[in-house]
C-alpha atoms as a PDB file:
ATOM      1  CA  UNK A   1     -66.168 -80.877 140.203  1.00  0.00           C
ATOM      2  CA  UNK A   2     -63.446 -81.068 142.890  1.00  0.00           C
ATOM      3  CA  UNK A   3     -65.903 -82.376 145.486  1.00  0.00           C
ATOM      4  CA  UNK A   4     -67.173 -85.378 143.504  1.00  0.00           C
ATOM      5  CA  UNK A   5     -64.191 -85.905 141.189  1.00  0.00           C
ATOM      6  CA  UNK A   6     -66.508 -85.959 138.173  1.00  0.00           C
ATOM      7  CA  UNK A   7     -66.039 -83.809 135.067  1.00  0.00           C
ATOM      8  CA  UNK A   8     -69.290 -82.825 133.351  1.00  0.00           C
ATOM      9  CA  UNK A   9     -69.174 -81.459 129.804  1.00  0.00           C
ATOM     10  CA  UNK A  10     -70.638 -77.931 129.936  1.00  0.00           C
ATOM     11  CA  UNK A  11     -73.661 -76.854 127.902  1.00  0.00           C
ATOM     12  CA  UNK A  12     -72.749 -76.222 124.231  1.00  0.00           C
ATOM     13  CA  UNK A  13     -69.221 -77.636 124.753  1.00  0.00           C
ATOM     14  CA  UNK A  14     -69.576 -81.104 123.246  1.00  0.00           C
ATOM     15  CA  UNK A  15     -66.614 -82.349 121.219  1.00  0.00           C
ATOM     16  CA  UNK A  16     -63.474 -84.468 121.474  1.00  0.00           C
ATOM     17  CA  UNK A  17     -61.779 -84.453 124.894  1.00  0.00           C
ATOM     18  CA  UNK A  18     -58.456 -85.822 126.127  1.00  0.00           C
ATOM     19  CA  UNK A  19     -57.929 -86.937 129.751  1.00  0.00           C
ATOM     20  CA  UNK A  20     -54.810 -88.206 131.509  1.00  0.00           C
ATOM     21  CA  UNK A  21     -54.240 -89.428 135.060  1.00  0.00           C
ATOM     22  CA  UNK A  22     -51.505 -90.634 137.378  1.00  0.00           C
ATOM     23  CA  UNK A  23     -52.112 -92.666 140.561  1.00  0.00           C
ATOM     24  CA  UNK A  24     -49.509 -93.558 143.164  1.00  0.00           C
ATOM     25  CA  UNK A  25     -49.797 -95.974 146.097  1.00  0.00           C
ATOM     26  CA  UNK A  26     -47.478 -96.531 149.041  1.00  0.00           C
ATOM     27  CA  UNK A  27     -47.210-100.179 150.142  1.00  0.00           C
ATOM     28  CA  UNK A  28     -44.059 -99.624 152.206  1.00  0.00           C
ATOM     29  CA  UNK A  29     -45.417-100.930 155.517  1.00  0.00           C
ATOM     30  CA  UNK A  30     -46.778-104.185 154.041  1.00  0.00           C
ATOM     31  CA  UNK A  31     -44.862-107.434 153.480  1.00  0.00           C
ATOM     32  CA  UNK A  32     -43.799-109.121 150.257  1.00  0.00           C
ATOM     33  CA  UNK A  33     -47.022-110.848 149.293  1.00  0.00           C
ATOM     34  CA  UNK A  34     -48.157-109.261 146.048  1.00  0.00           C
ATOM     35  CA  UNK A  35     -49.808-105.924 145.406  1.00  0.00           C
ATOM     36  CA  UNK A  36     -51.978-104.443 142.654  1.00  0.00           C
ATOM     37  CA  UNK A  37     -52.872-100.907 141.629  1.00  0.00           C
ATOM     38  CA  UNK A  38     -55.373-100.042 138.911  1.00  0.00           C
ATOM     39  CA  UNK A  39     -56.946 -96.886 137.546  1.00  0.00           C
ATOM     40  CA  UNK A  40     -59.562 -96.413 134.874  1.00  0.00           C
ATOM     41  CA  UNK A  41     -61.681 -93.702 133.408  1.00  0.00           C
ATOM     42  CA  UNK A  42     -65.420 -94.206 133.460  1.00  0.00           C
ATOM     43  CA  UNK A  43     -68.144 -92.286 131.733  1.00  0.00           C
ATOM     44  CA  UNK A  44     -71.834 -91.714 132.372  1.00  0.00           C
ATOM     45  CA  UNK A  45     -72.893 -93.695 135.438  1.00  0.00           C
ATOM     46  CA  UNK A  46     -69.674 -95.635 135.945  1.00  0.00           C
ATOM     47  CA  UNK A  47     -69.427 -97.426 132.598  1.00  0.00           C
ATOM     48  CA  UNK A  48     -65.743 -98.261 131.950  1.00  0.00           C
ATOM     49  CA  UNK A  49     -64.322 -95.941 129.337  1.00  0.00           C
ATOM     50  CA  UNK A  50     -63.062 -98.809 127.225  1.00  0.00           C
ATOM     51  CA  UNK A  51     -59.848 -99.436 125.357  1.00  0.00           C
ATOM     52  CA  UNK A  52     -57.061 -97.090 126.388  1.00  0.00           C
ATOM     53  CA  UNK A  53     -58.752 -95.830 129.544  1.00  0.00           C
ATOM     54  CA  UNK A  54     -57.503 -98.508 131.975  1.00  0.00           C
ATOM     55  CA  UNK A  55     -54.063 -99.313 133.401  1.00  0.00           C
ATOM     56  CA  UNK A  56     -52.893-101.680 136.107  1.00  0.00           C
ATOM     57  CA  UNK A  57     -49.703-103.055 137.599  1.00  0.00           C
ATOM     58  CA  UNK A  58     -49.277-105.961 139.943  1.00  0.00           C
ATOM     59  CA  UNK A  59     -46.521-107.977 141.582  1.00  0.00           C
ATOM     60  CA  UNK A  60     -46.381-111.684 142.337  1.00  0.00           C
ATOM     61  CA  UNK A  61     -46.808-113.236 145.765  1.00  0.00           C
ATOM     62  CA  UNK A  62     -43.035-113.320 146.272  1.00  0.00           C
ATOM     63  CA  UNK A  63     -42.313-109.731 145.295  1.00  0.00           C
ATOM     64  CA  UNK A  64     -42.930-106.445 147.022  1.00  0.00           C
ATOM     65  CA  UNK A  65     -43.948-103.135 145.516  1.00  0.00           C
ATOM     66  CA  UNK A  66     -42.831-100.392 147.910  1.00  0.00           C
ATOM     67  CA  UNK A  67     -44.341 -97.573 145.871  1.00  0.00           C
ATOM     68  CA  UNK A  68     -46.243 -97.951 142.624  1.00  0.00           C
ATOM     69  CA  UNK A  69     -47.268 -95.264 140.186  1.00  0.00           C
ATOM     70  CA  UNK A  70     -49.284 -95.784 137.011  1.00  0.00           C
ATOM     71  CA  UNK A  71     -50.551 -93.579 134.213  1.00  0.00           C
ATOM     72  CA  UNK A  72     -53.407 -93.849 131.744  1.00  0.00           C
ATOM     73  CA  UNK A  73     -55.169 -91.630 129.227  1.00  0.00           C
ATOM     74  CA  UNK A  74     -58.515 -91.513 127.491  1.00  0.00           C
ATOM     75  CA  UNK A  75     -59.827 -89.671 124.442  1.00  0.00           C
ATOM     76  CA  UNK A  76     -63.515 -89.570 123.568  1.00  0.00           C
ATOM     77  CA  UNK A  77     -66.192 -87.650 121.726  1.00  0.00           C
ATOM     78  CA  UNK A  78     -68.502 -86.297 124.417  1.00  0.00           C
ATOM     79  CA  UNK A  79     -71.791 -84.413 124.403  1.00  0.00           C
ATOM     80  CA  UNK A  80     -72.996 -81.691 126.752  1.00  0.00           C
ATOM     81  CA  UNK A  81     -73.945 -83.265 130.073  1.00  0.00           C
ATOM     82  CA  UNK A  82     -71.722 -86.357 129.656  1.00  0.00           C
ATOM     83  CA  UNK A  83     -69.641 -87.219 132.723  1.00  0.00           C
ATOM     84  CA  UNK A  84     -66.115 -88.594 133.061  1.00  0.00           C
ATOM     85  CA  UNK A  85     -64.546 -89.789 136.318  1.00  0.00           C
ATOM     86  CA  UNK A  86     -61.355 -91.511 137.438  1.00  0.00           C
ATOM     87  CA  UNK A  87     -61.726 -94.708 139.467  1.00  0.00           C
ATOM     88  CA  UNK A  88     -58.900 -96.218 141.477  1.00  0.00           C
ATOM     89  CA  UNK A  89     -58.301 -99.582 143.095  1.00  0.00           C
ATOM     90  CA  UNK A  90     -55.413-100.795 145.204  1.00  0.00           C
ATOM     91  CA  UNK A  91     -54.968-104.134 146.882  1.00  0.00           C
ATOM     92  CA  UNK A  92     -52.485-105.900 149.074  1.00  0.00           C
ATOM     93  CA  UNK A  93     -52.887-109.670 149.152  1.00  0.00           C
ATOM     94  CA  UNK A  94     -52.240-109.885 152.885  1.00  0.00           C
ATOM     95  CA  UNK A  95     -52.322-106.492 154.596  1.00  0.00           C
ATOM     96  CA  UNK A  96     -51.080-107.824 157.935  1.00  0.00           C
ATOM     97  CA  UNK A  97     -49.062-105.349 159.973  1.00  0.00           C
ATOM     98  CA  UNK A  98     -49.500-102.344 157.721  1.00  0.00           C
ATOM     99  CA  UNK A  99     -51.680-100.524 155.282  1.00  0.00           C
ATOM    100  CA  UNK A 100     -51.582 -99.266 151.724  1.00  0.00           C
ATOM    101  CA  UNK A 101     -52.263 -95.594 151.105  1.00  0.00           C
ATOM    102  CA  UNK A 102     -52.865 -93.451 148.044  1.00  0.00           C
ATOM    103  CA  UNK A 103     -50.084 -90.876 147.969  1.00  0.00           C
ATOM    104  CA  UNK A 104     -50.588 -89.085 144.663  1.00  0.00           C
ATOM    105  CA  UNK A 105     -53.515 -88.746 142.319  1.00  0.00           C
ATOM    106  CA  UNK A 106     -53.615 -86.326 139.413  1.00  0.00           C
ATOM    107  CA  UNK A 107     -56.137 -85.968 136.615  1.00  0.00           C
ATOM    108  CA  UNK A 108     -56.150 -83.449 133.779  1.00  0.00           C
ATOM    109  CA  UNK A 109     -58.395 -83.003 130.786  1.00  0.00           C
ATOM    110  CA  UNK A 110     -59.010 -80.605 127.946  1.00  0.00           C
ATOM    111  CA  UNK A 111     -61.084 -80.209 124.833  1.00  0.00           C
ATOM    112  CA  UNK A 112     -59.124 -80.889 121.638  1.00  0.00           C
ATOM    113  CA  UNK A 113     -61.776 -80.399 118.923  1.00  0.00           C
ATOM    114  CA  UNK A 114     -65.430 -79.504 118.351  1.00  0.00           C
END
């Protein structure tokens, strides 16, 4: 669903599904004080998808990430009506004088087996 960002397995289409996502954040206008970006897949009411469905990258308080992009994937056996969503989180330790923005976010998924 492009409005909610949630994929719902259609009726009679349960099986094994593969999902992949990329998330990019622009921290260019913020100082060198440490940044973090994280994405994860969740299923059915926000439960983390588990091993393999989460990725994060962070810098130390003396480094600066101008632009960060991360990728993760998730494979699961799903039943009709199950939901999968992508959750994102970005943080600047001290966002004084600027702001962090999400620049790119892509998610794909497909059924690989019944």
